[in-house]
N, C-alpha and C. Protein backbone atom coordinates (compact mmCIF):
# COMPACT_ATOMS: atom_id res chain seq x y z
N UNK A 1 -3.65 -10.54 13.02
CA UNK A 1 -4.20 -9.39 12.36
C UNK A 1 -4.60 -9.78 10.94
N UNK A 2 -5.78 -9.35 10.52
CA UNK A 2 -6.24 -9.61 9.17
C UNK A 2 -6.09 -8.36 8.32
N UNK A 3 -5.81 -8.56 7.06
CA UNK A 3 -5.72 -7.47 6.11
C UNK A 3 -6.79 -7.65 5.05
N UNK A 4 -7.34 -6.56 4.62
CA UNK A 4 -8.28 -6.56 3.52
C UNK A 4 -7.57 -5.93 2.34
N UNK A 5 -7.53 -6.62 1.24
CA UNK A 5 -6.85 -6.12 0.06
C UNK A 5 -7.85 -5.30 -0.76
N UNK A 6 -7.49 -4.03 -0.98
CA UNK A 6 -8.33 -3.13 -1.75
C UNK A 6 -7.59 -2.69 -3.00
N UNK A 7 -8.35 -2.44 -4.03
CA UNK A 7 -7.75 -1.83 -5.21
C UNK A 7 -7.48 -0.36 -4.88
N UNK A 8 -6.58 0.25 -5.61
CA UNK A 8 -6.18 1.62 -5.31
C UNK A 8 -7.37 2.57 -5.32
N UNK A 9 -8.28 2.41 -6.27
CA UNK A 9 -9.44 3.31 -6.33
C UNK A 9 -10.35 3.13 -5.11
N UNK A 10 -10.51 1.89 -4.64
CA UNK A 10 -11.30 1.64 -3.44
C UNK A 10 -10.63 2.25 -2.22
N UNK A 11 -9.31 2.10 -2.14
CA UNK A 11 -8.56 2.67 -1.02
C UNK A 11 -8.70 4.19 -1.01
N UNK A 12 -8.55 4.83 -2.16
CA UNK A 12 -8.64 6.28 -2.23
C UNK A 12 -10.03 6.75 -1.84
N UNK A 13 -11.06 6.03 -2.28
CA UNK A 13 -12.44 6.36 -1.93
C UNK A 13 -12.63 6.28 -0.42
N UNK A 14 -12.10 5.23 0.19
CA UNK A 14 -12.19 5.06 1.64
C UNK A 14 -11.47 6.18 2.38
N UNK A 15 -10.28 6.54 1.90
CA UNK A 15 -9.52 7.62 2.52
C UNK A 15 -10.29 8.94 2.44
N UNK A 16 -10.90 9.20 1.30
CA UNK A 16 -11.69 10.44 1.14
C UNK A 16 -12.85 10.48 2.12
N UNK A 17 -13.52 9.34 2.33
CA UNK A 17 -14.63 9.30 3.27
C UNK A 17 -14.15 9.48 4.71
N UNK A 18 -13.03 8.88 5.05
CA UNK A 18 -12.46 9.04 6.39
C UNK A 18 -12.07 10.50 6.62
N UNK A 19 -11.44 11.10 5.62
CA UNK A 19 -11.06 12.51 5.73
C UNK A 19 -12.28 13.39 5.93
N UNK A 20 -13.36 13.10 5.21
CA UNK A 20 -14.59 13.89 5.35
C UNK A 20 -15.15 13.78 6.76
N UNK A 21 -15.17 12.57 7.30
CA UNK A 21 -15.65 12.38 8.68
C UNK A 21 -14.76 13.12 9.67
N UNK A 22 -13.45 13.04 9.46
CA UNK A 22 -12.51 13.74 10.34
C UNK A 22 -12.76 15.24 10.30
N UNK A 23 -13.00 15.77 9.11
CA UNK A 23 -13.27 17.19 8.97
C UNK A 23 -14.52 17.59 9.73
N UNK A 24 -15.55 16.74 9.69
CA UNK A 24 -16.81 17.02 10.40
C UNK A 24 -16.60 16.98 11.91
N UNK A 25 -15.93 15.92 12.39
CA UNK A 25 -15.76 15.72 13.83
C UNK A 25 -14.75 16.71 14.42
N UNK A 26 -13.61 16.86 13.78
CA UNK A 26 -12.54 17.69 14.34
C UNK A 26 -12.62 19.14 13.89
N UNK A 27 -13.40 19.40 12.85
CA UNK A 27 -13.48 20.76 12.34
C UNK A 27 -12.20 21.24 11.68
N UNK A 28 -11.40 20.29 11.21
CA UNK A 28 -10.13 20.61 10.57
C UNK A 28 -10.19 20.21 9.12
N UNK A 29 -9.87 21.13 8.24
CA UNK A 29 -9.85 20.83 6.80
C UNK A 29 -8.57 20.09 6.46
N UNK A 30 -8.71 18.95 5.80
CA UNK A 30 -7.56 18.17 5.37
C UNK A 30 -7.35 18.45 3.89
N UNK A 31 -6.21 19.00 3.58
CA UNK A 31 -5.92 19.28 2.18
C UNK A 31 -4.95 18.24 1.66
N UNK A 32 -5.24 17.76 0.48
CA UNK A 32 -4.36 16.79 -0.18
C UNK A 32 -3.22 17.54 -0.84
N UNK A 33 -2.06 16.92 -0.82
CA UNK A 33 -0.93 17.49 -1.55
C UNK A 33 -1.27 17.42 -3.03
N UNK A 34 -0.89 18.44 -3.79
CA UNK A 34 -1.17 18.37 -5.23
C UNK A 34 -0.42 17.22 -5.90
N UNK A 35 0.67 16.81 -5.32
CA UNK A 35 1.47 15.75 -5.89
C UNK A 35 1.35 14.48 -5.06
N UNK A 36 0.14 14.16 -4.64
CA UNK A 36 -0.08 12.95 -3.85
C UNK A 36 0.31 11.75 -4.69
N UNK A 37 1.24 10.96 -4.20
CA UNK A 37 1.74 9.84 -4.97
C UNK A 37 1.94 8.64 -4.07
N UNK A 38 2.07 7.48 -4.69
CA UNK A 38 2.36 6.26 -3.94
C UNK A 38 3.85 6.19 -3.65
N UNK A 39 4.16 5.80 -2.43
CA UNK A 39 5.55 5.68 -2.00
C UNK A 39 5.81 4.24 -1.56
N UNK A 40 7.04 3.82 -1.66
CA UNK A 40 7.43 2.51 -1.13
C UNK A 40 7.72 2.65 0.36
N UNK A 41 7.80 1.53 1.04
CA UNK A 41 8.16 1.58 2.46
C UNK A 41 9.59 2.08 2.64
N UNK A 42 10.45 1.83 1.67
CA UNK A 42 11.82 2.32 1.74
C UNK A 42 11.86 3.85 1.67
N UNK A 43 11.05 4.43 0.77
CA UNK A 43 10.98 5.88 0.68
C UNK A 43 10.41 6.48 1.97
N UNK A 44 9.39 5.84 2.51
CA UNK A 44 8.78 6.31 3.76
C UNK A 44 9.79 6.22 4.91
N UNK A 45 10.57 5.14 4.95
CA UNK A 45 11.58 4.98 5.99
C UNK A 45 12.62 6.10 5.92
N UNK A 46 13.03 6.45 4.72
CA UNK A 46 13.99 7.55 4.56
C UNK A 46 13.39 8.86 5.05
N UNK A 47 12.11 9.10 4.73
CA UNK A 47 11.44 10.33 5.15
C UNK A 47 11.31 10.39 6.67
N UNK A 48 11.04 9.24 7.30
CA UNK A 48 10.88 9.18 8.76
C UNK A 48 12.20 9.01 9.50
N UNK A 49 13.26 8.71 8.74
CA UNK A 49 14.59 8.46 9.31
C UNK A 49 14.57 7.27 10.26
N UNK A 50 13.93 6.20 9.78
CA UNK A 50 13.88 4.92 10.50
C UNK A 50 14.18 3.81 9.51
N UNK A 51 14.29 2.58 9.99
CA UNK A 51 14.54 1.46 9.09
C UNK A 51 13.22 1.00 8.45
N UNK A 52 13.34 0.28 7.36
CA UNK A 52 12.19 -0.22 6.61
C UNK A 52 11.27 -1.08 7.48
N UNK A 53 11.85 -1.91 8.34
CA UNK A 53 11.07 -2.80 9.21
C UNK A 53 10.18 -1.99 10.16
N UNK A 54 10.67 -0.84 10.61
CA UNK A 54 9.87 0.01 11.49
C UNK A 54 8.63 0.51 10.76
N UNK A 55 8.78 0.90 9.51
CA UNK A 55 7.63 1.35 8.71
C UNK A 55 6.63 0.21 8.55
N UNK A 56 7.12 -0.99 8.25
CA UNK A 56 6.23 -2.15 8.11
C UNK A 56 5.51 -2.43 9.43
N UNK A 57 6.21 -2.33 10.54
CA UNK A 57 5.58 -2.54 11.85
C UNK A 57 4.49 -1.50 12.11
N UNK A 58 4.74 -0.24 11.72
CA UNK A 58 3.73 0.81 11.89
C UNK A 58 2.50 0.51 11.04
N UNK A 59 2.70 -0.01 9.85
CA UNK A 59 1.59 -0.36 8.96
C UNK A 59 0.81 -1.53 9.55
N UNK A 60 1.52 -2.58 9.94
CA UNK A 60 0.85 -3.78 10.46
C UNK A 60 0.13 -3.53 11.78
N UNK A 61 0.59 -2.55 12.55
CA UNK A 61 -0.08 -2.22 13.81
C UNK A 61 -1.25 -1.26 13.60
N UNK A 62 -1.43 -0.78 12.35
CA UNK A 62 -2.54 0.11 12.05
C UNK A 62 -2.27 1.57 12.32
N UNK A 63 -1.05 1.92 12.69
CA UNK A 63 -0.71 3.31 12.98
C UNK A 63 -0.44 4.13 11.73
N UNK A 64 -0.12 3.45 10.64
CA UNK A 64 0.19 4.12 9.38
C UNK A 64 -0.62 3.44 8.27
N UNK A 65 -1.34 4.22 7.50
CA UNK A 65 -2.19 3.68 6.42
C UNK A 65 -1.32 3.25 5.25
N UNK A 66 -1.71 2.14 4.61
CA UNK A 66 -0.97 1.66 3.44
C UNK A 66 -1.85 0.76 2.61
N UNK A 67 -1.42 0.54 1.39
CA UNK A 67 -2.07 -0.37 0.47
C UNK A 67 -1.16 -1.59 0.34
N UNK A 68 -1.73 -2.77 0.42
CA UNK A 68 -0.92 -3.98 0.26
C UNK A 68 -1.06 -4.49 -1.16
N UNK A 69 0.06 -4.57 -1.83
CA UNK A 69 0.10 -5.09 -3.18
C UNK A 69 0.57 -6.53 -3.12
N UNK A 70 -0.19 -7.41 -3.73
CA UNK A 70 0.21 -8.81 -3.78
C UNK A 70 0.88 -9.07 -5.12
N UNK A 71 2.07 -9.64 -5.07
CA UNK A 71 2.85 -9.86 -6.29
C UNK A 71 2.41 -11.12 -7.05
N UNK A 72 1.48 -11.86 -6.53
CA UNK A 72 1.03 -13.06 -7.20
C UNK A 72 0.96 -14.22 -6.23
N UNK A 73 0.49 -15.34 -6.71
CA UNK A 73 0.30 -16.51 -5.86
C UNK A 73 1.62 -16.96 -5.24
N UNK A 74 1.60 -17.07 -3.92
CA UNK A 74 2.77 -17.56 -3.20
C UNK A 74 3.88 -16.55 -3.02
N UNK A 75 3.68 -15.35 -3.52
CA UNK A 75 4.71 -14.33 -3.38
C UNK A 75 4.34 -13.35 -2.28
N UNK A 76 5.34 -12.82 -1.65
CA UNK A 76 5.13 -11.88 -0.58
C UNK A 76 4.58 -10.55 -1.13
N UNK A 77 3.62 -9.98 -0.44
CA UNK A 77 3.07 -8.70 -0.86
C UNK A 77 3.94 -7.55 -0.42
N UNK A 78 3.73 -6.43 -1.01
CA UNK A 78 4.46 -5.22 -0.67
C UNK A 78 3.47 -4.13 -0.32
N UNK A 79 3.90 -3.20 0.49
CA UNK A 79 3.05 -2.08 0.88
C UNK A 79 3.42 -0.84 0.09
N UNK A 80 2.42 -0.04 -0.20
CA UNK A 80 2.61 1.29 -0.79
C UNK A 80 1.84 2.27 0.08
N UNK A 81 2.37 3.46 0.23
CA UNK A 81 1.74 4.49 1.04
C UNK A 81 1.49 5.72 0.20
N UNK A 82 0.39 6.41 0.48
CA UNK A 82 0.17 7.70 -0.15
C UNK A 82 1.02 8.72 0.58
N UNK A 83 1.66 9.60 -0.17
CA UNK A 83 2.52 10.61 0.45
C UNK A 83 1.73 11.47 1.44
N UNK A 84 0.46 11.72 1.14
CA UNK A 84 -0.37 12.53 2.05
C UNK A 84 -0.62 11.79 3.37
N UNK A 85 -0.76 10.45 3.31
CA UNK A 85 -0.94 9.67 4.54
C UNK A 85 0.32 9.74 5.40
N UNK A 86 1.48 9.68 4.77
CA UNK A 86 2.73 9.76 5.52
C UNK A 86 2.88 11.14 6.15
N UNK A 87 2.56 12.19 5.40
CA UNK A 87 2.66 13.54 5.95
C UNK A 87 1.66 13.74 7.09
N UNK A 88 0.47 13.18 6.97
CA UNK A 88 -0.53 13.26 8.04
C UNK A 88 -0.02 12.54 9.28
N UNK A 89 0.61 11.37 9.09
CA UNK A 89 1.19 10.62 10.21
C UNK A 89 2.25 11.47 10.92
N UNK A 90 3.12 12.10 10.15
CA UNK A 90 4.17 12.94 10.73
C UNK A 90 3.56 14.12 11.49
N UNK A 91 2.55 14.75 10.88
CA UNK A 91 1.89 15.89 11.53
C UNK A 91 1.24 15.46 12.84
N UNK A 92 0.55 14.33 12.84
CA UNK A 92 -0.11 13.84 14.06
C UNK A 92 0.90 13.50 15.14
N UNK A 93 2.03 12.97 14.76
CA UNK A 93 3.09 12.65 15.73
C UNK A 93 3.61 13.93 16.38
N UNK A 94 3.75 14.98 15.58
CA UNK A 94 4.22 16.26 16.10
C UNK A 94 3.21 16.86 17.08
N UNK A 95 1.91 16.62 16.79
CA UNK A 95 0.84 17.14 17.65
C UNK A 95 0.57 16.25 18.86
N UNK A 96 1.21 15.08 18.89
CA UNK A 96 1.07 14.18 20.03
C UNK A 96 -0.09 13.20 19.93
N UNK A 97 -0.64 12.98 18.74
CA UNK A 97 -1.75 12.04 18.57
C UNK A 97 -1.23 10.64 18.41
């Protein structure tokens, strides 16, 4: 699997475009949380009541949107998630998507 590293502003722009397309196709308005913030995988794991590795697996399989932060040359990157993406994931799981 390949990853494309985006800056946060590029990622947010992409998410907005995807949301707009979803609204057109599904006819469902997607509202952003007023407090949309970046979360760590540990915070997401606590919210989902799963282990951190499960969250990483969901991200790497493409089931959960995330931003990959690279800590520098030769260092392992970390993922950050928008709280709205996590809530959308939870909502879709409840609806059976």
